[in-house]
Amino acid sequence: MTHAMTDPTTGATATDDTATAPRTDELLGVVSAVTDAPAGTLSGSSRFDELDNWSSLAALRLLTAVEDAFGVRLNLRAYLATETVDGLARMIAASLTGGRS
């Protein structure tokens, strides 16, 4: 059963599934901190492989930072196949709602 919830600060309504998803600005902040990309240059459609400081080490640092920030454990293989910030947000949301990530 899905319940609608209202955000008291914005009045926006979200379902249980979307309410547990990370806020985009929070995730963009984590990505920015790990990659040194200015937060204003990132969006949900930003591709990791197009970031200036993206490397295998940055990918692992981001994985650790995301797991710590959002309290999730992500599947390494699926994480490494994720190409965009939006894709990572969906993966985190699935993990938070008990889905497979």
PDB file of N, CA and C in Angstrom:
ATOM      1  N   MET A   1       0.840  -1.173   0.000  1.00  0.00           N
ATOM      2  CA  MET A   1       0.000   0.000   0.000  1.00  0.00           C
ATOM      3  C   MET A   1       0.888   1.240   0.000  1.00  0.00           C
ATOM      4  N   THR A   2       0.601   2.182  -0.846  1.00  0.00           N
ATOM      5  CA  THR A   2       1.371   3.415  -0.943  1.00  0.00           C
ATOM      6  C   THR A   2       0.604   4.534  -0.265  1.00  0.00           C
ATOM      7  N   HIS A   3       1.301   5.303   0.550  1.00  0.00           N
ATOM      8  CA  HIS A   3       0.698   6.436   1.235  1.00  0.00           C
ATOM      9  C   HIS A   3       1.283   7.727   0.689  1.00  0.00           C
ATOM     10  N   ALA A   4       0.455   8.747   0.602  1.00  0.00           N
ATOM     11  CA  ALA A   4       0.947  10.062   0.196  1.00  0.00           C
ATOM     12  C   ALA A   4       1.336  10.838   1.445  1.00  0.00           C
ATOM     13  N   MET A   5       2.455  11.540   1.371  1.00  0.00           N
ATOM     14  CA  MET A   5       2.922  12.366   2.475  1.00  0.00           C
ATOM     15  C   MET A   5       3.170  13.768   1.947  1.00  0.00           C
ATOM     16  N   THR A   6       2.917  14.751   2.786  1.00  0.00           N
ATOM     17  CA  THR A   6       3.122  16.135   2.382  1.00  0.00           C
ATOM     18  C   THR A   6       4.342  16.693   3.085  1.00  0.00           C
ATOM     19  N   ASP A   7       5.232  17.307   2.325  1.00  0.00           N
ATOM     20  CA  ASP A   7       6.411  17.969   2.876  1.00  0.00           C
ATOM     21  C   ASP A   7       5.940  19.265   3.521  1.00  0.00           C
ATOM     22  N   PRO A   8       6.143  19.429   4.839  1.00  0.00           N
ATOM     23  CA  PRO A   8       5.640  20.631   5.500  1.00  0.00           C
ATOM     24  C   PRO A   8       6.323  21.917   5.044  1.00  0.00           C
ATOM     25  N   THR A   9       7.513  21.822   4.485  1.00  0.00           N
ATOM     26  CA  THR A   9       8.221  23.031   4.063  1.00  0.00           C
ATOM     27  C   THR A   9       7.813  23.493   2.674  1.00  0.00           C
ATOM     28  N   THR A  10       7.407  22.544   1.812  1.00  0.00           N
ATOM     29  CA  THR A  10       7.068  22.920   0.439  1.00  0.00           C
ATOM     30  C   THR A  10       5.616  22.671   0.082  1.00  0.00           C
ATOM     31  N   GLY A  11       4.945  21.815   0.863  1.00  0.00           N
ATOM     32  CA  GLY A  11       3.575  21.456   0.537  1.00  0.00           C
ATOM     33  C   GLY A  11       3.486  20.403  -0.548  1.00  0.00           C
ATOM     34  N   ALA A  12       4.640  19.950  -1.045  1.00  0.00           N
ATOM     35  CA  ALA A  12       4.659  18.933  -2.099  1.00  0.00           C
ATOM     36  C   ALA A  12       4.248  17.593  -1.515  1.00  0.00           C
ATOM     37  N   THR A  13       3.563  16.808  -2.315  1.00  0.00           N
ATOM     38  CA  THR A  13       3.129  15.489  -1.896  1.00  0.00           C
ATOM     39  C   THR A  13       4.021  14.444  -2.530  1.00  0.00           C
ATOM     40  N   ALA A  14       4.400  13.462  -1.726  1.00  0.00           N
ATOM     41  CA  ALA A  14       5.258  12.384  -2.216  1.00  0.00           C
ATOM     42  C   ALA A  14       4.681  11.060  -1.765  1.00  0.00           C
ATOM     43  N   THR A  15       4.916  10.026  -2.539  1.00  0.00           N
ATOM     44  CA  THR A  15       4.522   8.688  -2.132  1.00  0.00           C
ATOM     45  C   THR A  15       5.593   8.140  -1.216  1.00  0.00           C
ATOM     46  N   ASP A  16       5.324   6.999  -0.582  1.00  0.00           N
ATOM     47  CA  ASP A  16       6.319   6.364   0.276  1.00  0.00           C
ATOM     48  C   ASP A  16       7.621   6.147  -0.479  1.00  0.00           C
ATOM     49  N   ASP A  17       7.523   5.698  -1.737  1.00  0.00           N
ATOM     50  CA  ASP A  17       8.720   5.399  -2.520  1.00  0.00           C
ATOM     51  C   ASP A  17       9.557   6.644  -2.770  1.00  0.00           C
ATOM     52  N   THR A  18       8.926   7.752  -3.151  1.00  0.00           N
ATOM     53  CA  THR A  18       9.704   8.948  -3.448  1.00  0.00           C
ATOM     54  C   THR A  18      10.149   9.656  -2.188  1.00  0.00           C
ATOM     55  N   ALA A  19       9.431   9.474  -1.091  1.00  0.00           N
ATOM     56  CA  ALA A  19       9.811  10.138   0.150  1.00  0.00           C
ATOM     57  C   ALA A  19      11.115   9.585   0.699  1.00  0.00           C
ATOM     58  N   THR A  20      11.420   8.323   0.406  1.00  0.00           N
ATOM     59  CA  THR A  20      12.649   7.736   0.921  1.00  0.00           C
ATOM     60  C   THR A  20      13.826   7.951  -0.011  1.00  0.00           C
ATOM     61  N   ALA A  21      13.576   8.458  -1.201  1.00  0.00           N
ATOM     62  CA  ALA A  21      14.662   8.718  -2.151  1.00  0.00           C
ATOM     63  C   ALA A  21      15.507   9.878  -1.640  1.00  0.00           C
ATOM     64  N   PRO A  22      16.809   9.837  -1.935  1.00  0.00           N
ATOM     65  CA  PRO A  22      17.650  10.949  -1.501  1.00  0.00           C
ATOM     66  C   PRO A  22      17.254  12.226  -2.235  1.00  0.00           C
ATOM     67  N   ARG A  23      17.338  13.335  -1.550  1.00  0.00           N
ATOM     68  CA  ARG A  23      17.101  14.607  -2.225  1.00  0.00           C
ATOM     69  C   ARG A  23      18.244  14.834  -3.195  1.00  0.00           C
ATOM     70  N   THR A  24      17.905  15.316  -4.375  1.00  0.00           N
ATOM     71  CA  THR A  24      18.910  15.516  -5.415  1.00  0.00           C
ATOM     72  C   THR A  24      20.027  16.426  -4.938  1.00  0.00           C
ATOM     73  N   ASP A  25      19.681  17.496  -4.217  1.00  0.00           N
ATOM     74  CA  ASP A  25      20.725  18.419  -3.775  1.00  0.00           C
ATOM     75  C   ASP A  25      21.680  17.764  -2.792  1.00  0.00           C
ATOM     76  N   GLU A  26      21.183  16.842  -1.970  1.00  0.00           N
ATOM     77  CA  GLU A  26      22.063  16.118  -1.047  1.00  0.00           C
ATOM     78  C   GLU A  26      23.035  15.233  -1.820  1.00  0.00           C
ATOM     79  N   LEU A  27      22.515  14.506  -2.799  1.00  0.00           N
ATOM     80  CA  LEU A  27      23.366  13.629  -3.593  1.00  0.00           C
ATOM     81  C   LEU A  27      24.359  14.438  -4.414  1.00  0.00           C
ATOM     82  N   LEU A  28      23.910  15.542  -5.005  1.00  0.00           N
ATOM     83  CA  LEU A  28      24.823  16.394  -5.769  1.00  0.00           C
ATOM     84  C   LEU A  28      25.927  16.938  -4.870  1.00  0.00           C
ATOM     85  N   GLY A  29      25.604  17.233  -3.624  1.00  0.00           N
ATOM     86  CA  GLY A  29      26.613  17.701  -2.678  1.00  0.00           C
ATOM     87  C   GLY A  29      27.668  16.650  -2.409  1.00  0.00           C
ATOM     88  N   VAL A  30      27.252  15.404  -2.278  1.00  0.00           N
ATOM     89  CA  VAL A  30      28.202  14.311  -2.056  1.00  0.00           C
ATOM     90  C   VAL A  30      29.083  14.134  -3.289  1.00  0.00           C
ATOM     91  N   VAL A  31      28.471  14.126  -4.467  1.00  0.00           N
ATOM     92  CA  VAL A  31      29.239  13.980  -5.711  1.00  0.00           C
ATOM     93  C   VAL A  31      30.229  15.130  -5.853  1.00  0.00           C
ATOM     94  N   SER A  32      29.787  16.332  -5.569  1.00  0.00           N
ATOM     95  CA  SER A  32      30.649  17.511  -5.666  1.00  0.00           C
ATOM     96  C   SER A  32      31.835  17.412  -4.711  1.00  0.00           C
ATOM     97  N   ALA A  33      31.575  17.003  -3.482  1.00  0.00           N
ATOM     98  CA  ALA A  33      32.637  16.904  -2.483  1.00  0.00           C
ATOM     99  C   ALA A  33      33.686  15.867  -2.870  1.00  0.00           C
ATOM    100  N   VAL A  34      33.245  14.764  -3.434  1.00  0.00           N
ATOM    101  CA  VAL A  34      34.178  13.689  -3.790  1.00  0.00           C
ATOM    102  C   VAL A  34      34.971  14.022  -5.048  1.00  0.00           C
ATOM    103  N   THR A  35      34.319  14.647  -6.019  1.00  0.00           N
ATOM    104  CA  THR A  35      34.968  14.867  -7.318  1.00  0.00           C
ATOM    105  C   THR A  35      35.543  16.268  -7.491  1.00  0.00           C
ATOM    106  N   ASP A  36      35.304  17.145  -6.532  1.00  0.00           N
ATOM    107  CA  ASP A  36      35.738  18.549  -6.619  1.00  0.00           C
ATOM    108  C   ASP A  36      35.064  19.298  -7.765  1.00  0.00           C
ATOM    109  N   ALA A  37      33.973  18.765  -8.281  1.00  0.00           N
ATOM    110  CA  ALA A  37      33.209  19.470  -9.320  1.00  0.00           C
ATOM    111  C   ALA A  37      32.349  20.520  -8.632  1.00  0.00           C
ATOM    112  N   PRO A  38      32.339  21.750  -9.125  1.00  0.00           N
ATOM    113  CA  PRO A  38      31.477  22.768  -8.515  1.00  0.00           C
ATOM    114  C   PRO A  38      30.017  22.311  -8.541  1.00  0.00           C
ATOM    115  N   ALA A  39      29.359  22.401  -7.397  1.00  0.00           N
ATOM    116  CA  ALA A  39      27.984  21.900  -7.277  1.00  0.00           C
ATOM    117  C   ALA A  39      27.056  22.494  -8.331  1.00  0.00           C
ATOM    118  N   GLY A  40      27.244  23.743  -8.690  1.00  0.00           N
ATOM    119  CA  GLY A  40      26.386  24.385  -9.673  1.00  0.00           C
ATOM    120  C   GLY A  40      26.528  23.826 -11.074  1.00  0.00           C
ATOM    121  N   THR A  41      27.584  23.054 -11.315  1.00  0.00           N
ATOM    122  CA  THR A  41      27.793  22.485 -12.646  1.00  0.00           C
ATOM    123  C   THR A  41      27.211  21.086 -12.770  1.00  0.00           C
ATOM    124  N   LEU A  42      26.712  20.533 -11.669  1.00  0.00           N
ATOM    125  CA  LEU A  42      26.181  19.174 -11.664  1.00  0.00           C
ATOM    126  C   LEU A  42      24.665  19.183 -11.724  1.00  0.00           C
ATOM    127  N   SER A  43      24.110  18.132 -12.329  1.00  0.00           N
ATOM    128  CA  SER A  43      22.657  17.941 -12.361  1.00  0.00           C
ATOM    129  C   SER A  43      22.397  16.441 -12.346  1.00  0.00           C
ATOM    130  N   GLY A  44      21.138  16.080 -12.313  1.00  0.00           N
ATOM    131  CA  GLY A  44      20.792  14.665 -12.330  1.00  0.00           C
ATOM    132  C   GLY A  44      21.278  13.950 -13.574  1.00  0.00           C
ATOM    133  N   SER A  45      21.384  14.674 -14.675  1.00  0.00           N
ATOM    134  CA  SER A  45      21.824  14.048 -15.924  1.00  0.00           C
ATOM    135  C   SER A  45      23.345  14.051 -16.087  1.00  0.00           C
ATOM    136  N   SER A  46      24.058  14.589 -15.106  1.00  0.00           N
ATOM    137  CA  SER A  46      25.531  14.596 -15.190  1.00  0.00           C
ATOM    138  C   SER A  46      26.060  13.171 -15.251  1.00  0.00           C
ATOM    139  N   ARG A  47      26.939  12.943 -16.210  1.00  0.00           N
ATOM    140  CA  ARG A  47      27.559  11.625 -16.376  1.00  0.00           C
ATOM    141  C   ARG A  47      28.875  11.602 -15.618  1.00  0.00           C
ATOM    142  N   PHE A  48      29.084  10.540 -14.862  1.00  0.00           N
ATOM    143  CA  PHE A  48      30.307  10.438 -14.073  1.00  0.00           C
ATOM    144  C   PHE A  48      31.549  10.450 -14.955  1.00  0.00           C
ATOM    145  N   ASP A  49      31.502   9.752 -16.090  1.00  0.00           N
ATOM    146  CA  ASP A  49      32.689   9.662 -16.945  1.00  0.00           C
ATOM    147  C   ASP A  49      33.032  10.978 -17.641  1.00  0.00           C
ATOM    148  N   GLU A  50      32.173  11.984 -17.518  1.00  0.00           N
ATOM    149  CA  GLU A  50      32.455  13.294 -18.103  1.00  0.00           C
ATOM    150  C   GLU A  50      32.986  14.298 -17.077  1.00  0.00           C
ATOM    151  N   LEU A  51      33.089  13.886 -15.811  1.00  0.00           N
ATOM    152  CA  LEU A  51      33.620  14.766 -14.773  1.00  0.00           C
ATOM    153  C   LEU A  51      35.138  14.818 -14.882  1.00  0.00           C
ATOM    154  N   ASP A  52      35.708  16.006 -14.698  1.00  0.00           N
ATOM    155  CA  ASP A  52      37.154  16.197 -14.857  1.00  0.00           C
ATOM    156  C   ASP A  52      37.986  15.284 -13.968  1.00  0.00           C
ATOM    157  N   ASN A  53      37.581  15.109 -12.728  1.00  0.00           N
ATOM    158  CA  ASN A  53      38.384  14.335 -11.778  1.00  0.00           C
ATOM    159  C   ASN A  53      37.888  12.903 -11.605  1.00  0.00           C
ATOM    160  N   TRP A  54      37.179  12.367 -12.602  1.00  0.00           N
ATOM    161  CA  TRP A  54      36.628  11.019 -12.467  1.00  0.00           C
ATOM    162  C   TRP A  54      37.696   9.980 -12.761  1.00  0.00           C
ATOM    163  N   SER A  55      37.817   9.015 -11.885  1.00  0.00           N
ATOM    164  CA  SER A  55      38.776   7.918 -12.026  1.00  0.00           C
ATOM    165  C   SER A  55      38.225   6.730 -11.249  1.00  0.00           C
ATOM    166  N   SER A  56      38.906   5.615 -11.328  1.00  0.00           N
ATOM    167  CA  SER A  56      38.458   4.451 -10.564  1.00  0.00           C
ATOM    168  C   SER A  56      38.532   4.735  -9.065  1.00  0.00           C
ATOM    169  N   LEU A  57      39.530   5.494  -8.649  1.00  0.00           N
ATOM    170  CA  LEU A  57      39.635   5.859  -7.236  1.00  0.00           C
ATOM    171  C   LEU A  57      38.473   6.773  -6.830  1.00  0.00           C
ATOM    172  N   ALA A  58      38.138   7.739  -7.671  1.00  0.00           N
ATOM    173  CA  ALA A  58      37.006   8.625  -7.380  1.00  0.00           C
ATOM    174  C   ALA A  58      35.707   7.818  -7.302  1.00  0.00           C
ATOM    175  N   ALA A  59      35.557   6.827  -8.166  1.00  0.00           N
ATOM    176  CA  ALA A  59      34.358   5.986  -8.148  1.00  0.00           C
ATOM    177  C   ALA A  59      34.231   5.260  -6.812  1.00  0.00           C
ATOM    178  N   LEU A  60      35.327   4.720  -6.313  1.00  0.00           N
ATOM    179  CA  LEU A  60      35.288   4.016  -5.031  1.00  0.00           C
ATOM    180  C   LEU A  60      35.077   4.986  -3.872  1.00  0.00           C
ATOM    181  N   ARG A  61      35.684   6.159  -3.959  1.00  0.00           N
ATOM    182  CA  ARG A  61      35.473   7.174  -2.921  1.00  0.00           C
ATOM    183  C   ARG A  61      34.012   7.612  -2.894  1.00  0.00           C
ATOM    184  N   LEU A  62      33.403   7.768  -4.073  1.00  0.00           N
ATOM    185  CA  LEU A  62      31.996   8.156  -4.129  1.00  0.00           C
ATOM    186  C   LEU A  62      31.111   7.051  -3.565  1.00  0.00           C
ATOM    187  N   LEU A  63      31.397   5.819  -3.892  1.00  0.00           N
ATOM    188  CA  LEU A  63      30.622   4.700  -3.362  1.00  0.00           C
ATOM    189  C   LEU A  63      30.628   4.732  -1.837  1.00  0.00           C
ATOM    190  N   THR A  64      31.798   4.876  -1.248  1.00  0.00           N
ATOM    191  CA  THR A  64      31.922   4.914   0.205  1.00  0.00           C
ATOM    192  C   THR A  64      31.179   6.113   0.788  1.00  0.00           C
ATOM    193  N   ALA A  65      31.335   7.273   0.156  1.00  0.00           N
ATOM    194  CA  ALA A  65      30.674   8.486   0.646  1.00  0.00           C
ATOM    195  C   ALA A  65      29.152   8.355   0.576  1.00  0.00           C
ATOM    196  N   VAL A  66      28.639   7.784  -0.515  1.00  0.00           N
ATOM    197  CA  VAL A  66      27.194   7.600  -0.674  1.00  0.00           C
ATOM    198  C   VAL A  66      26.672   6.617   0.366  1.00  0.00           C
ATOM    199  N   GLU A  67      27.374   5.512   0.556  1.00  0.00           N
ATOM    200  CA  GLU A  67      26.931   4.526   1.541  1.00  0.00           C
ATOM    201  C   GLU A  67      26.903   5.134   2.940  1.00  0.00           C
ATOM    202  N   ASP A  68      27.908   5.939   3.268  1.00  0.00           N
ATOM    203  CA  ASP A  68      27.942   6.596   4.580  1.00  0.00           C
ATOM    204  C   ASP A  68      26.847   7.651   4.707  1.00  0.00           C
ATOM    205  N   ALA A  69      26.679   8.475   3.686  1.00  0.00           N
ATOM    206  CA  ALA A  69      25.725   9.587   3.747  1.00  0.00           C
ATOM    207  C   ALA A  69      24.274   9.118   3.806  1.00  0.00           C
ATOM    208  N   PHE A  70      23.955   8.039   3.099  1.00  0.00           N
ATOM    209  CA  PHE A  70      22.565   7.611   2.996  1.00  0.00           C
ATOM    210  C   PHE A  70      22.269   6.314   3.748  1.00  0.00           C
ATOM    211  N   GLY A  71      23.281   5.735   4.402  1.00  0.00           N
ATOM    212  CA  GLY A  71      23.067   4.537   5.197  1.00  0.00           C
ATOM    213  C   GLY A  71      22.644   3.330   4.387  1.00  0.00           C
ATOM    214  N   VAL A  72      23.236   3.168   3.213  1.00  0.00           N
ATOM    215  CA  VAL A  72      22.894   2.049   2.332  1.00  0.00           C
ATOM    216  C   VAL A  72      24.144   1.242   2.009  1.00  0.00           C
ATOM    217  N   ARG A  73      23.930   0.036   1.496  1.00  0.00           N
ATOM    218  CA  ARG A  73      25.003  -0.784   0.933  1.00  0.00           C
ATOM    219  C   ARG A  73      24.597  -1.059  -0.503  1.00  0.00           C
ATOM    220  N   LEU A  74      25.439  -0.637  -1.444  1.00  0.00           N
ATOM    221  CA  LEU A  74      25.124  -0.806  -2.859  1.00  0.00           C
ATOM    222  C   LEU A  74      25.930  -1.949  -3.454  1.00  0.00           C
ATOM    223  N   ASN A  75      25.340  -2.618  -4.419  1.00  0.00           N
ATOM    224  CA  ASN A  75      26.024  -3.678  -5.144  1.00  0.00           C
ATOM    225  C   ASN A  75      27.113  -3.042  -6.003  1.00  0.00           C
ATOM    226  N   LEU A  76      28.354  -3.462  -5.816  1.00  0.00           N
ATOM    227  CA  LEU A  76      29.486  -2.837  -6.503  1.00  0.00           C
ATOM    228  C   LEU A  76      29.353  -2.922  -8.020  1.00  0.00           C
ATOM    229  N   ARG A  77      29.005  -4.059  -8.526  1.00  0.00           N
ATOM    230  CA  ARG A  77      28.893  -4.232  -9.979  1.00  0.00           C
ATOM    231  C   ARG A  77      27.811  -3.314 -10.564  1.00  0.00           C
ATOM    232  N   ALA A  78      26.663  -3.258  -9.913  1.00  0.00           N
ATOM    233  CA  ALA A  78      25.578  -2.388 -10.383  1.00  0.00           C
ATOM    234  C   ALA A  78      25.976  -0.924 -10.246  1.00  0.00           C
ATOM    235  N   TYR A  79      26.633  -0.581  -9.149  1.00  0.00           N
ATOM    236  CA  TYR A  79      27.085   0.799  -8.943  1.00  0.00           C
ATOM    237  C   TYR A  79      28.043   1.225 -10.054  1.00  0.00           C
ATOM    238  N   LEU A  80      29.016   0.384 -10.366  1.00  0.00           N
ATOM    239  CA  LEU A  80      30.001   0.734 -11.391  1.00  0.00           C
ATOM    240  C   LEU A  80      29.374   0.854 -12.778  1.00  0.00           C
ATOM    241  N   ALA A  81      28.233   0.224 -12.983  1.00  0.00           N
ATOM    242  CA  ALA A  81      27.534   0.318 -14.269  1.00  0.00           C
ATOM    243  C   ALA A  81      26.633   1.554 -14.346  1.00  0.00           C
ATOM    244  N   THR A  82      26.451   2.239 -13.228  1.00  0.00           N
ATOM    245  CA  THR A  82      25.599   3.428 -13.187  1.00  0.00           C
ATOM    246  C   THR A  82      26.335   4.599 -13.811  1.00  0.00           C
ATOM    247  N   GLU A  83      25.699   5.265 -14.770  1.00  0.00           N
ATOM    248  CA  GLU A  83      26.380   6.304 -15.546  1.00  0.00           C
ATOM    249  C   GLU A  83      26.071   7.729 -15.117  1.00  0.00           C
ATOM    250  N   THR A  84      24.930   7.955 -14.456  1.00  0.00           N
ATOM    251  CA  THR A  84      24.522   9.327 -14.144  1.00  0.00           C
ATOM    252  C   THR A  84      24.155   9.486 -12.670  1.00  0.00           C
ATOM    253  N   VAL A  85      24.072  10.734 -12.252  1.00  0.00           N
ATOM    254  CA  VAL A  85      23.647  11.043 -10.888  1.00  0.00           C
ATOM    255  C   VAL A  85      22.219  10.549 -10.668  1.00  0.00           C
ATOM    256  N   ASP A  86      21.321  10.747 -11.639  1.00  0.00           N
ATOM    257  CA  ASP A  86      19.948  10.242 -11.519  1.00  0.00           C
ATOM    258  C   ASP A  86      19.921   8.728 -11.356  1.00  0.00           C
ATOM    259  N   GLY A  87      20.760   8.029 -12.104  1.00  0.00           N
ATOM    260  CA  GLY A  87      20.836   6.580 -11.980  1.00  0.00           C
ATOM    261  C   GLY A  87      21.270   6.169 -10.584  1.00  0.00           C
ATOM    262  N   LEU A  88      22.228   6.892 -10.032  1.00  0.00           N
ATOM    263  CA  LEU A  88      22.687   6.608  -8.677  1.00  0.00           C
ATOM    264  C   LEU A  88      21.577   6.909  -7.672  1.00  0.00           C
ATOM    265  N   ALA A  89      20.839   7.987  -7.877  1.00  0.00           N
ATOM    266  CA  ALA A  89      19.722   8.318  -6.982  1.00  0.00           C
ATOM    267  C   ALA A  89      18.674   7.207  -6.991  1.00  0.00           C
ATOM    268  N   ARG A  90      18.374   6.671  -8.173  1.00  0.00           N
ATOM    269  CA  ARG A  90      17.408   5.563  -8.262  1.00  0.00           C
ATOM    270  C   ARG A  90      17.936   4.332  -7.534  1.00  0.00           C
ATOM    271  N   MET A  91      19.217   4.083  -7.652  1.00  0.00           N
ATOM    272  CA  MET A  91      19.823   2.937  -6.986  1.00  0.00           C
ATOM    273  C   MET A  91      19.728   3.091  -5.460  1.00  0.00           C
ATOM    274  N   ILE A  92      20.008   4.286  -4.974  1.00  0.00           N
ATOM    275  CA  ILE A  92      19.912   4.553  -3.539  1.00  0.00           C
ATOM    276  C   ILE A  92      18.465   4.397  -3.077  1.00  0.00           C
ATOM    277  N   ALA A  93      17.523   4.960  -3.826  1.00  0.00           N
ATOM    278  CA  ALA A  93      16.105   4.866  -3.471  1.00  0.00           C
ATOM    279  C   ALA A  93      15.654   3.413  -3.405  1.00  0.00           C
ATOM    280  N   ALA A  94      16.088   2.608  -4.360  1.00  0.00           N
ATOM    281  CA  ALA A  94      15.721   1.192  -4.362  1.00  0.00           C
ATOM    282  C   ALA A  94      16.277   0.494  -3.130  1.00  0.00           C
ATOM    283  N   SER A  95      17.482   0.848  -2.751  1.00  0.00           N
ATOM    284  CA  SER A  95      18.089   0.247  -1.576  1.00  0.00           C
ATOM    285  C   SER A  95      17.350   0.663  -0.304  1.00  0.00           C
ATOM    286  N   LEU A  96      16.954   1.924  -0.230  1.00  0.00           N
ATOM    287  CA  LEU A  96      16.242   2.427   0.947  1.00  0.00           C
ATOM    288  C   LEU A  96      14.851   1.837   1.087  1.00  0.00           C
ATOM    289  N   THR A  97      14.231   1.469  -0.037  1.00  0.00           N
ATOM    290  CA  THR A  97      12.881   0.907   0.010  1.00  0.00           C
ATOM    291  C   THR A  97      12.901  -0.613   0.020  1.00  0.00           C
ATOM    292  N   GLY A  98      14.078  -1.187   0.187  1.00  0.00           N
ATOM    293  CA  GLY A  98      14.184  -2.630   0.268  1.00  0.00           C
ATOM    294  C   GLY A  98      14.338  -3.314  -1.063  1.00  0.00           C
ATOM    295  N   GLY A  99      14.459  -2.545  -2.128  1.00  0.00           N
ATOM    296  CA  GLY A  99      14.682  -3.117  -3.452  1.00  0.00           C
ATOM    297  C   GLY A  99      16.113  -3.561  -3.604  1.00  0.00           C
ATOM    298  N   ARG A 100      16.361  -4.275  -4.640  1.00  0.00           N
ATOM    299  CA  ARG A 100      17.710  -4.760  -4.910  1.00  0.00           C
ATOM    300  C   ARG A 100      18.495  -3.669  -5.623  1.00  0.00           C
ATOM    301  N   SER A 101      19.710  -3.399  -5.140  1.00  0.00           N
ATOM    302  CA  SER A 101      20.532  -2.374  -5.785  1.00  0.00           C
ATOM    303  C   SER A 101      21.862  -2.921  -6.213  1.00  0.00           C
TER     304      SER A 101
END
